[in-house]
PDB file of N, CA and C in Angstrom:
ATOM      1  N   MET A   1     100.921  90.694 121.336  1.00  0.00           N
ATOM      2  CA  MET A   1     100.276  91.104 119.935  1.00  0.00           C
ATOM      3  C   MET A   1      98.939  90.587 119.504  1.00  0.00           C
ATOM      4  N   THR A   2      98.534  91.567 119.771  1.00  0.00           N
ATOM      5  CA  THR A   2      97.102  91.057 119.414  1.00  0.00           C
ATOM      6  C   THR A   2      96.412  90.800 117.983  1.00  0.00           C
ATOM      7  N   ARG A   3      95.931  89.991 117.840  1.00  0.00           N
ATOM      8  CA  ARG A   3      95.874  88.656 116.574  1.00  0.00           C
ATOM      9  C   ARG A   3      93.918  89.137 116.558  1.00  0.00           C
ATOM     10  N   ILE A   4      93.435  89.072 115.173  1.00  0.00           N
ATOM     11  CA  ILE A   4      91.885  88.893 115.361  1.00  0.00           C
ATOM     12  C   ILE A   4      91.408  87.784 114.260  1.00  0.00           C
ATOM     13  N   ALA A   5      90.570  87.105 114.862  1.00  0.00           N
ATOM     14  CA  ALA A   5      90.126  86.065 114.494  1.00  0.00           C
ATOM     15  C   ALA A   5      89.745  86.839 113.392  1.00  0.00           C
ATOM     16  N   THR A   6      89.637  84.831 112.144  1.00  0.00           N
ATOM     17  CA  THR A   6      88.504  84.902 110.682  1.00  0.00           C
ATOM     18  C   THR A   6      88.201  83.859 111.131  1.00  0.00           C
ATOM     19  N   GLU A   7      87.305  83.263 109.535  1.00  0.00           N
ATOM     20  CA  GLU A   7      86.138  82.413 109.864  1.00  0.00           C
ATOM     21  C   GLU A   7      87.108  81.464 109.759  1.00  0.00           C
ATOM     22  N   HIS A   8      88.071  81.320 109.485  1.00  0.00           N
ATOM     23  CA  HIS A   8      89.223  80.353 109.243  1.00  0.00           C
ATOM     24  C   HIS A   8      89.324  80.427 110.201  1.00  0.00           C
ATOM     25  N   LYS A   9      89.290  78.988 110.844  1.00  0.00           N
ATOM     26  CA  LYS A   9      89.696  78.043 112.539  1.00  0.00           C
ATOM     27  C   LYS A   9      90.975  78.577 112.974  1.00  0.00           C
ATOM     28  N   TYR A  10      92.434  78.881 112.465  1.00  0.00           N
ATOM     29  CA  TYR A  10      93.936  78.426 112.101  1.00  0.00           C
ATOM     30  C   TYR A  10      94.401  79.509 111.214  1.00  0.00           C
ATOM     31  N   VAL A  11      93.015  80.809 110.370  1.00  0.00           N
ATOM     32  CA  VAL A  11      93.942  81.953 110.356  1.00  0.00           C
ATOM     33  C   VAL A  11      92.886  82.672 111.022  1.00  0.00           C
ATOM     34  N   GLN A  12      94.359  83.997 111.730  1.00  0.00           N
ATOM     35  CA  GLN A  12      94.293  85.298 111.853  1.00  0.00           C
ATOM     36  C   GLN A  12      94.735  86.165 111.382  1.00  0.00           C
ATOM     37  N   LEU A  13      94.791  87.769 111.275  1.00  0.00           N
ATOM     38  CA  LEU A  13      95.032  88.558 111.486  1.00  0.00           C
ATOM     39  C   LEU A  13      95.570  89.489 112.309  1.00  0.00           C
ATOM     40  N   ASN A  14      97.469  90.391 111.240  1.00  0.00           N
ATOM     41  CA  ASN A  14      98.044  89.605 112.715  1.00  0.00           C
ATOM     42  C   ASN A  14      97.810  91.929 112.604  1.00  0.00           C
ATOM     43  N   GLU A  15      98.622  92.564 113.244  1.00  0.00           N
ATOM     44  CA  GLU A  15      97.541  93.673 113.012  1.00  0.00           C
ATOM     45  C   GLU A  15      97.951  94.392 112.268  1.00  0.00           C
ATOM     46  N   GLN A  16      98.456  94.361 111.151  1.00  0.00           N
ATOM     47  CA  GLN A  16      98.789  95.610 110.097  1.00  0.00           C
ATOM     48  C   GLN A  16      97.442  94.686 109.359  1.00  0.00           C
ATOM     49  N   ARG A  17      96.515  94.183 110.054  1.00  0.00           N
ATOM     50  CA  ARG A  17      95.460  92.738 109.406  1.00  0.00           C
ATOM     51  C   ARG A  17      95.719  92.318 107.931  1.00  0.00           C
ATOM     52  N   VAL A  18      97.244  91.440 108.166  1.00  0.00           N
ATOM     53  CA  VAL A  18      97.670  90.439 107.116  1.00  0.00           C
ATOM     54  C   VAL A  18      97.432  88.762 107.517  1.00  0.00           C
ATOM     55  N   PRO A  19      96.802  88.370 106.776  1.00  0.00           N
ATOM     56  CA  PRO A  19      96.595  86.992 107.754  1.00  0.00           C
ATOM     57  C   PRO A  19      97.613  85.894 108.003  1.00  0.00           C
ATOM     58  N   VAL A  20      97.533  85.529 108.466  1.00  0.00           N
ATOM     59  CA  VAL A  20      98.728  84.818 109.310  1.00  0.00           C
ATOM     60  C   VAL A  20      98.859  83.462 109.880  1.00  0.00           C
ATOM     61  N   ILE A  21      98.728  82.209 109.972  1.00  0.00           N
ATOM     62  CA  ILE A  21      98.215  81.059 110.200  1.00  0.00           C
ATOM     63  C   ILE A  21      98.421  81.290 111.718  1.00  0.00           C
ATOM     64  N   ALA A  22      97.245  80.575 112.523  1.00  0.00           N
ATOM     65  CA  ALA A  22      97.285  80.824 114.080  1.00  0.00           C
ATOM     66  C   ALA A  22      98.783  80.490 114.879  1.00  0.00           C
ATOM     67  N   GLY A  23      99.119  81.204 115.714  1.00  0.00           N
ATOM     68  CA  GLY A  23     100.550  80.359 116.257  1.00  0.00           C
ATOM     69  C   GLY A  23     101.679  80.379 116.162  1.00  0.00           C
ATOM     70  N   THR A  24     101.326  80.810 114.764  1.00  0.00           N
ATOM     71  CA  THR A  24     103.082  81.418 113.394  1.00  0.00           C
ATOM     72  C   THR A  24     103.462  82.930 113.245  1.00  0.00           C
ATOM     73  N   THR A  25     104.422  83.076 112.842  1.00  0.00           N
ATOM     74  CA  THR A  25     104.116  84.801 112.544  1.00  0.00           C
ATOM     75  C   THR A  25     104.527  83.963 110.770  1.00  0.00           C
ATOM     76  N   LEU A  26     104.051  82.975 110.421  1.00  0.00           N
ATOM     77  CA  LEU A  26     104.012  82.257 108.963  1.00  0.00           C
ATOM     78  C   LEU A  26     102.481  83.002 108.053  1.00  0.00           C
ATOM     79  N   LYS A  27     102.971  83.963 106.490  1.00  0.00           N
ATOM     80  CA  LYS A  27     101.416  84.739 106.457  1.00  0.00           C
ATOM     81  C   LYS A  27     101.383  83.620 105.215  1.00  0.00           C
ATOM     82  N   VAL A  28      99.964  83.539 105.123  1.00  0.00           N
ATOM     83  CA  VAL A  28      98.826  82.840 104.498  1.00  0.00           C
ATOM     84  C   VAL A  28      99.911  83.396 102.892  1.00  0.00           C
ATOM     85  N   VAL A  29     100.070  84.288 102.409  1.00  0.00           N
ATOM     86  CA  VAL A  29     100.898  84.386 100.925  1.00  0.00           C
ATOM     87  C   VAL A  29     101.981  83.451 101.732  1.00  0.00           C
ATOM     88  N   GLU A  30     102.986  84.193 102.245  1.00  0.00           N
ATOM     89  CA  GLU A  30     104.308  83.132 101.686  1.00  0.00           C
ATOM     90  C   GLU A  30     103.793  81.783 101.447  1.00  0.00           C
ATOM     91  N   LEU A  31     102.661  81.421 102.303  1.00  0.00           N
ATOM     92  CA  LEU A  31     103.088  80.033 102.145  1.00  0.00           C
ATOM     93  C   LEU A  31     102.435  79.075 101.118  1.00  0.00           C
ATOM     94  N   VAL A  32     101.310  79.948 100.302  1.00  0.00           N
ATOM     95  CA  VAL A  32     100.894  80.164  98.973  1.00  0.00           C
ATOM     96  C   VAL A  32     102.060  80.321  97.850  1.00  0.00           C
ATOM     97  N   MET A  33     102.653  81.459  98.083  1.00  0.00           N
ATOM     98  CA  MET A  33     104.100  81.807  97.056  1.00  0.00           C
ATOM     99  C   MET A  33     105.500  80.583  97.435  1.00  0.00           C
ATOM    100  N   ALA A  34     105.202  79.872  98.237  1.00  0.00           N
ATOM    101  CA  ALA A  34     105.751  78.507  98.177  1.00  0.00           C
ATOM    102  C   ALA A  34     105.459  77.168  97.586  1.00  0.00           C
ATOM    103  N   GLN A  35     104.067  77.383  97.489  1.00  0.00           N
ATOM    104  CA  GLN A  35     103.144  76.628  96.990  1.00  0.00           C
ATOM    105  C   GLN A  35     103.126  76.702  95.129  1.00  0.00           C
ATOM    106  N   ARG A  36     103.418  77.506  95.409  1.00  0.00           N
ATOM    107  CA  ARG A  36     102.969  77.902  94.021  1.00  0.00           C
ATOM    108  C   ARG A  36     104.184  77.751  93.047  1.00  0.00           C
ATOM    109  N   ALA A  37     105.499  78.617  93.868  1.00  0.00           N
ATOM    110  CA  ALA A  37     107.039  78.079  93.633  1.00  0.00           C
ATOM    111  C   ALA A  37     107.738  76.779  92.687  1.00  0.00           C
ATOM    112  N   TYR A  38     106.410  75.668  94.286  1.00  0.00           N
ATOM    113  CA  TYR A  38     108.024  74.298  94.161  1.00  0.00           C
ATOM    114  C   TYR A  38     106.686  73.948  93.508  1.00  0.00           C
ATOM    115  N   GLY A  39     105.180  73.866  93.138  1.00  0.00           N
ATOM    116  CA  GLY A  39     104.744  73.264  92.535  1.00  0.00           C
ATOM    117  C   GLY A  39     104.045  72.039  93.933  1.00  0.00           C
ATOM    118  N   TRP A  40     103.989  72.661  94.849  1.00  0.00           N
ATOM    119  CA  TRP A  40     104.795  71.649  96.522  1.00  0.00           C
ATOM    120  C   TRP A  40     103.081  71.584  97.243  1.00  0.00           C
ATOM    121  N   SER A  41     102.311  69.816  96.829  1.00  0.00           N
ATOM    122  CA  SER A  41     100.894  69.417  97.697  1.00  0.00           C
ATOM    123  C   SER A  41     100.617  69.900  98.681  1.00  0.00           C
ATOM    124  N   PRO A  42     100.240  70.005  99.616  1.00  0.00           N
ATOM    125  CA  PRO A  42      99.451  69.938 101.482  1.00  0.00           C
ATOM    126  C   PRO A  42     101.066  69.217 101.858  1.00  0.00           C
ATOM    127  N   GLU A  43     100.686  68.376 101.258  1.00  0.00           N
ATOM    128  CA  GLU A  43     101.027  67.404 102.134  1.00  0.00           C
ATOM    129  C   GLU A  43     103.065  68.136 101.904  1.00  0.00           C
ATOM    130  N   ASP A  44     103.654  68.709 100.466  1.00  0.00           N
ATOM    131  CA  ASP A  44     105.113  69.010 100.355  1.00  0.00           C
ATOM    132  C   ASP A  44     104.896  69.329 102.003  1.00  0.00           C
ATOM    133  N   LEU A  45     103.536  70.557 101.670  1.00  0.00           N
ATOM    134  CA  LEU A  45     104.471  71.972 102.843  1.00  0.00           C
ATOM    135  C   LEU A  45     104.767  71.044 104.090  1.00  0.00           C
ATOM    136  N   GLN A  46     103.723  70.756 104.343  1.00  0.00           N
ATOM    137  CA  GLN A  46     104.051  70.325 105.442  1.00  0.00           C
ATOM    138  C   GLN A  46     105.601  69.448 105.347  1.00  0.00           C
ATOM    139  N   GLN A  47     105.612  69.063 105.135  1.00  0.00           N
ATOM    140  CA  GLN A  47     107.627  68.934 104.932  1.00  0.00           C
ATOM    141  C   GLN A  47     108.215  69.433 105.567  1.00  0.00           C
ATOM    142  N   GLN A  48     107.682  70.366 104.658  1.00  0.00           N
ATOM    143  CA  GLN A  48     108.365  71.823 104.556  1.00  0.00           C
ATOM    144  C   GLN A  48     108.626  72.240 105.633  1.00  0.00           C
ATOM    145  N   HIS A  49     107.425  72.281 106.101  1.00  0.00           N
ATOM    146  CA  HIS A  49     106.475  72.888 107.236  1.00  0.00           C
ATOM    147  C   HIS A  49     106.272  72.124 108.151  1.00  0.00           C
ATOM    148  N   PRO A  50     107.359  71.339 109.624  1.00  0.00           N
ATOM    149  CA  PRO A  50     106.501  70.434 110.377  1.00  0.00           C
ATOM    150  C   PRO A  50     106.232  71.050 110.895  1.00  0.00           C
ATOM    151  N   TYR A  51     106.477  72.083 111.641  1.00  0.00           N
ATOM    152  CA  TYR A  51     105.348  73.130 113.073  1.00  0.00           C
ATOM    153  C   TYR A  51     103.934  73.032 112.560  1.00  0.00           C
ATOM    154  N   LEU A  52     104.346  72.934 110.553  1.00  0.00           N
ATOM    155  CA  LEU A  52     102.609  73.595 110.930  1.00  0.00           C
ATOM    156  C   LEU A  52     101.852  72.234 110.791  1.00  0.00           C
ATOM    157  N   SER A  53     100.584  72.218 110.307  1.00  0.00           N
ATOM    158  CA  SER A  53      99.864  70.656 110.519  1.00  0.00           C
ATOM    159  C   SER A  53      98.603  70.647 109.867  1.00  0.00           C
ATOM    160  N   MET A  54      98.687  69.808 109.618  1.00  0.00           N
ATOM    161  CA  MET A  54      97.474  69.710 108.293  1.00  0.00           C
ATOM    162  C   MET A  54      96.243  70.359 108.537  1.00  0.00           C
ATOM    163  N   SER A  55      96.249  69.993 109.404  1.00  0.00           N
ATOM    164  CA  SER A  55      94.517  71.401 109.543  1.00  0.00           C
ATOM    165  C   SER A  55      94.864  73.085 109.088  1.00  0.00           C
ATOM    166  N   GLN A  56      95.974  73.667 109.945  1.00  0.00           N
ATOM    167  CA  GLN A  56      96.669  75.061 109.379  1.00  0.00           C
ATOM    168  C   GLN A  56      97.279  74.912 108.536  1.00  0.00           C
ATOM    169  N   ILE A  57      97.369  74.197 107.498  1.00  0.00           N
ATOM    170  CA  ILE A  57      98.111  74.366 106.395  1.00  0.00           C
ATOM    171  C   ILE A  57      96.795  74.261 105.154  1.00  0.00           C
ATOM    172  N   PHE A  58      95.914  72.702 105.648  1.00  0.00           N
ATOM    173  CA  PHE A  58      93.934  73.204 104.685  1.00  0.00           C
ATOM    174  C   PHE A  58      93.885  74.526 104.879  1.00  0.00           C
ATOM    175  N   SER A  59      93.430  74.787 106.597  1.00  0.00           N
ATOM    176  CA  SER A  59      92.879  76.336 106.577  1.00  0.00           C
ATOM    177  C   SER A  59      93.350  77.452 106.045  1.00  0.00           C
ATOM    178  N   ALA A  60      94.634  77.521 106.172  1.00  0.00           N
ATOM    179  CA  ALA A  60      95.321  79.140 105.584  1.00  0.00           C
ATOM    180  C   ALA A  60      94.955  78.724 103.574  1.00  0.00           C
ATOM    181  N   LEU A  61      94.945  77.380 103.268  1.00  0.00           N
ATOM    182  CA  LEU A  61      94.326  77.241 101.419  1.00  0.00           C
ATOM    183  C   LEU A  61      93.130  77.425 101.382  1.00  0.00           C
ATOM    184  N   ALA A  62      92.317  77.134 102.638  1.00  0.00           N
ATOM    185  CA  ALA A  62      90.894  77.765 102.490  1.00  0.00           C
ATOM    186  C   ALA A  62      90.382  79.108 102.400  1.00  0.00           C
ATOM    187  N   TYR A  63      91.352  79.575 103.210  1.00  0.00           N
ATOM    188  CA  TYR A  63      91.470  81.089 103.185  1.00  0.00           C
ATOM    189  C   TYR A  63      91.677  81.526 102.313  1.00  0.00           C
ATOM    190  N   TYR A  64      93.107  81.925 101.383  1.00  0.00           N
ATOM    191  CA  TYR A  64      93.577  81.778 100.205  1.00  0.00           C
ATOM    192  C   TYR A  64      93.404  82.026  99.622  1.00  0.00           C
ATOM    193  N   TRP A  65      91.738  80.754  98.693  1.00  0.00           N
ATOM    194  CA  TRP A  65      91.007  80.300  97.888  1.00  0.00           C
ATOM    195  C   TRP A  65      90.011  81.565  97.656  1.00  0.00           C
ATOM    196  N   ASP A  66      89.477  81.886  99.433  1.00  0.00           N
ATOM    197  CA  ASP A  66      88.216  82.700  99.936  1.00  0.00           C
ATOM    198  C   ASP A  66      88.846  84.262  99.598  1.00  0.00           C
ATOM    199  N   HIS A  67      89.797  84.670  99.772  1.00  0.00           N
ATOM    200  CA  HIS A  67      90.621  85.783  99.665  1.00  0.00           C
ATOM    201  C   HIS A  67      91.056  85.996  97.468  1.00  0.00           C
ATOM    202  N   LYS A  68      90.740  85.087  97.549  1.00  0.00           N
ATOM    203  CA  LYS A  68      92.124  85.622  96.354  1.00  0.00           C
ATOM    204  C   LYS A  68      92.099  86.958  95.479  1.00  0.00           C
ATOM    205  N   PRO A  69      91.081  87.426  95.230  1.00  0.00           N
ATOM    206  CA  PRO A  69      92.024  88.289  94.686  1.00  0.00           C
ATOM    207  C   PRO A  69      92.411  89.379  95.152  1.00  0.00           C
ATOM    208  N   GLU A  70      92.150  89.829  96.690  1.00  0.00           N
ATOM    209  CA  GLU A  70      93.699  91.013  97.495  1.00  0.00           C
ATOM    210  C   GLU A  70      94.513  89.989  98.120  1.00  0.00           C
ATOM    211  N   LEU A  71      93.902  88.626  97.859  1.00  0.00           N
ATOM    212  CA  LEU A  71      96.002  87.853  98.372  1.00  0.00           C
ATOM    213  C   LEU A  71      96.812  87.992  96.860  1.00  0.00           C
ATOM    214  N   ASP A  72      96.684  87.859  96.006  1.00  0.00           N
ATOM    215  CA  ASP A  72      96.811  87.871  94.535  1.00  0.00           C
ATOM    216  C   ASP A  72      97.256  89.142  94.345  1.00  0.00           C
ATOM    217  N   ALA A  73      96.328  90.520  95.134  1.00  0.00           N
ATOM    218  CA  ALA A  73      96.762  91.221  94.522  1.00  0.00           C
ATOM    219  C   ALA A  73      98.477  92.009  95.420  1.00  0.00           C
ATOM    220  N   ASP A  74      98.104  90.654  96.215  1.00  0.00           N
ATOM    221  CA  ASP A  74      99.505  91.514  97.832  1.00  0.00           C
ATOM    222  C   ASP A  74     100.801  90.001  97.079  1.00  0.00           C
ATOM    223  N   ILE A  75      99.914  88.830  96.430  1.00  0.00           N
ATOM    224  CA  ILE A  75     101.744  88.435  95.415  1.00  0.00           C
ATOM    225  C   ILE A  75     102.251  89.264  94.510  1.00  0.00           C
ATOM    226  N   ASP A  76     101.201  90.638  93.916  1.00  0.00           N
ATOM    227  CA  ASP A  76     101.864  90.815  92.929  1.00  0.00           C
ATOM    228  C   ASP A  76     102.473  91.563  92.676  1.00  0.00           C
ATOM    229  N   ARG A  77     102.022  92.519  94.444  1.00  0.00           N
ATOM    230  CA  ARG A  77     102.969  93.559  94.928  1.00  0.00           C
ATOM    231  C   ARG A  77     103.894  93.129  95.210  1.00  0.00           C
ATOM    232  N   ARG A  78     103.881  91.866  95.433  1.00  0.00           N
ATOM    233  CA  ARG A  78     105.911  91.508  96.393  1.00  0.00           C
ATOM    234  C   ARG A  78     106.175  91.124  95.469  1.00  0.00           C
ATOM    235  N   GLU A  79     105.632  90.488  94.468  1.00  0.00           N
ATOM    236  CA  GLU A  79     106.613  89.829  93.014  1.00  0.00           C
ATOM    237  C   GLU A  79     107.535  91.317  92.087  1.00  0.00           C
ATOM    238  N   GLN A  80     106.859  92.280  92.305  1.00  0.00           N
ATOM    239  CA  GLN A  80     107.083  93.771  91.310  1.00  0.00           C
ATOM    240  C   GLN A  80     108.587  94.578  92.819  1.00  0.00           C
ATOM    241  N   TYR A  81     107.401  94.413  93.807  1.00  0.00           N
ATOM    242  CA  TYR A  81     109.451  95.257  94.450  1.00  0.00           C
ATOM    243  C   TYR A  81     109.382  94.103  95.005  1.00  0.00           C
ATOM    244  N   VAL A  82     110.392  92.948  94.410  1.00  0.00           N
ATOM    245  CA  VAL A  82     111.338  92.663  94.506  1.00  0.00           C
ATOM    246  C   VAL A  82     111.764  92.434  92.682  1.00  0.00           C
ATOM    247  N   ILE A  83     111.337  92.172  91.594  1.00  0.00           N
ATOM    248  CA  ILE A  83     111.920  93.309  90.736  1.00  0.00           C
ATOM    249  C   ILE A  83     112.623  94.126  90.300  1.00  0.00           C
ATOM    250  N   GLN A  84     111.729  95.487  91.433  1.00  0.00           N
ATOM    251  CA  GLN A  84     112.288  96.944  91.480  1.00  0.00           C
ATOM    252  C   GLN A  84     113.498  96.689  91.641  1.00  0.00           C
ATOM    253  N   ALA A  85     113.922  96.150  93.425  1.00  0.00           N
ATOM    254  CA  ALA A  85     114.661  95.780  93.564  1.00  0.00           C
ATOM    255  C   ALA A  85     116.079  95.750  93.810  1.00  0.00           C
ATOM    256  N   GLU A  86     116.205  94.047  92.215  1.00  0.00           N
ATOM    257  CA  GLU A  86     116.946  93.523  91.614  1.00  0.00           C
ATOM    258  C   GLU A  86     117.358  95.082  90.430  1.00  0.00           C
ATOM    259  N   GLN A  87     115.917  95.828  89.902  1.00  0.00           N
ATOM    260  CA  GLN A  87     116.793  96.510  88.605  1.00  0.00           C
ATOM    261  C   GLN A  87     117.613  97.905  89.441  1.00  0.00           C
ATOM    262  N   ASP A  88     117.974  98.455  90.545  1.00  0.00           N
ATOM    263  CA  ASP A  88     117.957  99.090  90.825  1.00  0.00           C
ATOM    264  C   ASP A  88     118.657  98.964  91.875  1.00  0.00           C
ATOM    265  N   ALA A  89     118.984  97.340  91.833  1.00  0.00           N
ATOM    266  CA  ALA A  89     120.196  96.982  92.375  1.00  0.00           C
ATOM    267  C   ALA A  89     121.872  97.415  91.886  1.00  0.00           C
ATOM    268  N   ALA A  90     122.857  98.339  92.627  1.00  0.00           N
ATOM    269  CA  ALA A  90     123.998  97.879  91.306  1.00  0.00           C
ATOM    270  C   ALA A  90     124.490  96.513  91.675  1.00  0.00           C
ATOM    271  N   PRO A  91     125.560  96.458  90.640  1.00  0.00           N
ATOM    272  CA  PRO A  91     125.835  96.054  90.000  1.00  0.00           C
ATOM    273  C   PRO A  91     127.173  94.851  91.645  1.00  0.00           C
ATOM    274  N   SER A  92     127.127  93.935  91.147  1.00  0.00           N
ATOM    275  CA  SER A  92     127.717  93.146  92.595  1.00  0.00           C
ATOM    276  C   SER A  92     129.703  93.448  91.503  1.00  0.00           C
ATOM    277  N   PRO A  93     129.740  93.401  92.007  1.00  0.00           N
ATOM    278  CA  PRO A  93     131.558  93.655  91.829  1.00  0.00           C
ATOM    279  C   PRO A  93     132.407  92.548  91.510  1.00  0.00           C
ATOM    280  N   ILE A  94     131.248  91.717  91.695  1.00  0.00           N
ATOM    281  CA  ILE A  94     132.070  89.798  91.268  1.00  0.00           C
ATOM    282  C   ILE A  94     132.210  89.364  89.611  1.00  0.00           C
ATOM    283  N   VAL A  95     130.394  90.608  89.766  1.00  0.00           N
ATOM    284  CA  VAL A  95     129.449  89.910  87.788  1.00  0.00           C
ATOM    285  C   VAL A  95     129.834  91.287  87.453  1.00  0.00           C
ATOM    286  N   ALA A  96     130.778  92.469  87.670  1.00  0.00           N
ATOM    287  CA  ALA A  96     130.999  92.698  86.793  1.00  0.00           C
ATOM    288  C   ALA A  96     132.652  92.715  86.372  1.00  0.00           C
ATOM    289  N   LYS A  97     133.855  92.175  87.648  1.00  0.00           N
ATOM    290  CA  LYS A  97     134.865  91.714  87.223  1.00  0.00           C
ATOM    291  C   LYS A  97     134.505  90.810  85.979  1.00  0.00           C
ATOM    292  N   LEU A  98     133.519  88.974  86.555  1.00  0.00           N
ATOM    293  CA  LEU A  98     133.476  87.470  85.336  1.00  0.00           C
ATOM    294  C   LEU A  98     132.795  88.603  83.851  1.00  0.00           C
ATOM    295  N   ARG A  99     132.219  90.440  84.244  1.00  0.00           N
ATOM    296  CA  ARG A  99     131.930  90.935  82.379  1.00  0.00           C
ATOM    297  C   ARG A  99     132.931  91.054  82.102  1.00  0.00           C
ATOM    298  N   THR A 100     134.050  91.306  83.067  1.00  0.00           N
ATOM    299  CA  THR A 100     135.092  92.162  81.931  1.00  0.00           C
ATOM    300  C   THR A 100     135.250  90.913  81.326  1.00  0.00           C
ATOM    301  N   MET A 101     136.043  90.084  82.261  1.00  0.00           N
ATOM    302  CA  MET A 101     137.493  88.904  82.193  1.00  0.00           C
ATOM    303  C   MET A 101     135.778  87.650  80.590  1.00  0.00           C
ATOM    304  N   GLY A 102     134.544  89.023  80.329  1.00  0.00           N
ATOM    305  CA  GLY A 102     133.909  88.038  79.263  1.00  0.00           C
ATOM    306  C   GLY A 102     132.820  86.542  79.539  1.00  0.00           C
ATOM    307  N   LEU A 103     133.836  86.038  81.179  1.00  0.00           N
ATOM    308  CA  LEU A 103     132.464  84.987  81.873  1.00  0.00           C
ATOM    309  C   LEU A 103     131.430  85.545  81.630  1.00  0.00           C
ATOM    310  N   LEU A 104     130.661  86.053  82.057  1.00  0.00           N
ATOM    311  CA  LEU A 104     129.075  86.126  82.038  1.00  0.00           C
ATOM    312  C   LEU A 104     128.687  86.883  81.219  1.00  0.00           C
ATOM    313  N   GLY A 105     127.344  86.769  80.645  1.00  0.00           N
ATOM    314  CA  GLY A 105     127.181  87.718  79.164  1.00  0.00           C
ATOM    315  C   GLY A 105     126.351  89.170  79.627  1.00  0.00           C
TER     316      GLY A 105
END
C-alpha cells in the first residue's frame, strides 16, 4: 500500500489520493463527518476512536481546514450518494406491511 506524505505529519494520501490518517484506513472526511454529525470535540473523537492519538486527530482536523473546499465537496458527494441510494432502494417488505396496517405514514 503506497502512501503519499502531506504537509500534515499524520495525514497521508492513499492510492486514490484520498487523505487518510497515517497508520490507519480512516479517511479525514469520515472523522470530520462524525464530528459534524455528533458535535464531538477532539477529545470526544479520541474517545470514540481510541486507536487514534490526539496528534493524529488534530492533524486530520488541521488538514480538513487547510483543504476545506475540496473536502466539503467530497462530503457533499457522499451525502448525495446516500440520498440517491435511499430513493432508489425498493421499499422494505416490513415497511410496506406496516403501511398497509396503518402503522406507518
